[in-house]
Amino acid sequence: MAGPHALKVKKRCCKSDPRCRKCPVVAKRLASAGLAERTGPRTYVVDAPKKAIKRARRFKAAKLGVSH
């Protein structure tokens, strides 16, 4: 991981499976797991490993299972 990076999420979720990386639901799941911090209405600072992002795209935040 290259370190924390800014992420601007889309306005609406398209509900595709798996959810896209810029989906607001994915960002919310990462934030709930403590792997992202919300900095504005549609912006987050994400500091998560690749595995956590993949899991957030598929499962609920409680199942991310990554200690950070």
Protein backbone atom coordinates (compact mmCIF):
# COMPACT_ATOMS: atom_id res chain seq x y z
CA MET A 1 0.00 0.00 0.00
CA ALA A 2 1.32 3.39 -0.96
CA GLY A 3 -0.28 5.14 2.02
CA PRO A 4 -3.41 7.21 2.46
CA HIS A 5 -5.03 8.69 -0.62
CA ALA A 6 -8.00 10.95 -1.32
CA LEU A 7 -11.14 9.46 -2.84
CA LYS A 8 -14.06 11.38 -4.31
CA VAL A 9 -17.12 9.14 -4.37
CA LYS A 10 -19.92 9.06 -6.93
CA LYS A 11 -23.23 10.78 -6.19
CA ARG A 12 -25.29 7.59 -6.30
CA CYS A 13 -24.65 3.89 -5.96
CA CYS A 14 -25.40 1.87 -9.10
CA LYS A 15 -25.78 -1.34 -7.01
CA SER A 16 -23.66 -3.44 -9.36
CA ASP A 17 -21.99 -6.59 -8.05
CA PRO A 18 -19.24 -6.19 -6.98
CA ARG A 19 -19.65 -2.53 -6.15
CA CYS A 20 -17.19 -0.17 -7.84
CA ARG A 21 -14.28 1.43 -5.98
CA LYS A 22 -15.77 4.92 -6.10
CA CYS A 23 -19.12 3.78 -4.71
CA PRO A 24 -20.35 5.77 -1.68
CA VAL A 25 -21.41 2.50 0.00
CA VAL A 26 -17.86 1.12 -0.21
CA ALA A 27 -16.42 4.33 1.27
CA LYS A 28 -19.01 4.24 4.07
CA ARG A 29 -18.13 0.61 4.86
CA LEU A 30 -14.42 1.43 5.01
CA ALA A 31 -15.13 4.44 7.25
CA SER A 32 -17.25 2.29 9.58
CA ALA A 33 -14.36 -0.17 9.85
CA GLY A 34 -11.94 2.65 10.67
CA LEU A 35 -10.03 2.34 7.40
CA ALA A 36 -11.18 5.65 5.90
CA GLU A 37 -11.94 9.11 7.21
CA ARG A 38 -14.64 11.35 5.81
CA THR A 39 -13.28 14.82 5.01
CA GLY A 40 -16.22 16.35 3.16
CA PRO A 41 -19.65 15.61 1.72
CA ARG A 42 -18.26 13.31 -1.00
CA THR A 43 -14.57 12.99 -0.10
CA TYR A 44 -12.74 10.43 2.01
CA VAL A 45 -9.12 9.76 2.90
CA VAL A 46 -8.63 6.03 2.50
CA ASP A 47 -5.79 4.13 4.17
CA ALA A 48 -6.81 0.53 3.62
CA PRO A 49 -5.04 -2.55 2.29
CA LYS A 50 -6.16 -3.94 -1.05
CA LYS A 51 -7.83 -6.94 0.61
CA ALA A 52 -10.01 -4.70 2.78
CA ILE A 53 -11.14 -2.71 -0.25
CA LYS A 54 -12.03 -5.93 -2.09
CA ARG A 55 -14.04 -7.17 0.88
CA ALA A 56 -15.81 -3.82 1.31
CA ARG A 57 -16.93 -4.09 -2.29
CA ARG A 58 -18.69 -7.38 -1.50
CA PHE A 59 -19.50 -7.70 2.23
CA LYS A 60 -20.68 -5.64 5.15
CA ALA A 61 -18.14 -3.61 7.15
CA ALA A 62 -18.40 -5.97 10.12
CA LYS A 63 -16.89 -8.71 7.96
CA LEU A 64 -13.87 -6.75 6.73
CA GLY A 65 -11.69 -8.55 9.26
CA VAL A 66 -8.64 -6.33 8.83
CA SER A 67 -6.94 -4.94 11.90
CA HIS A 68 -5.43 -1.53 11.26
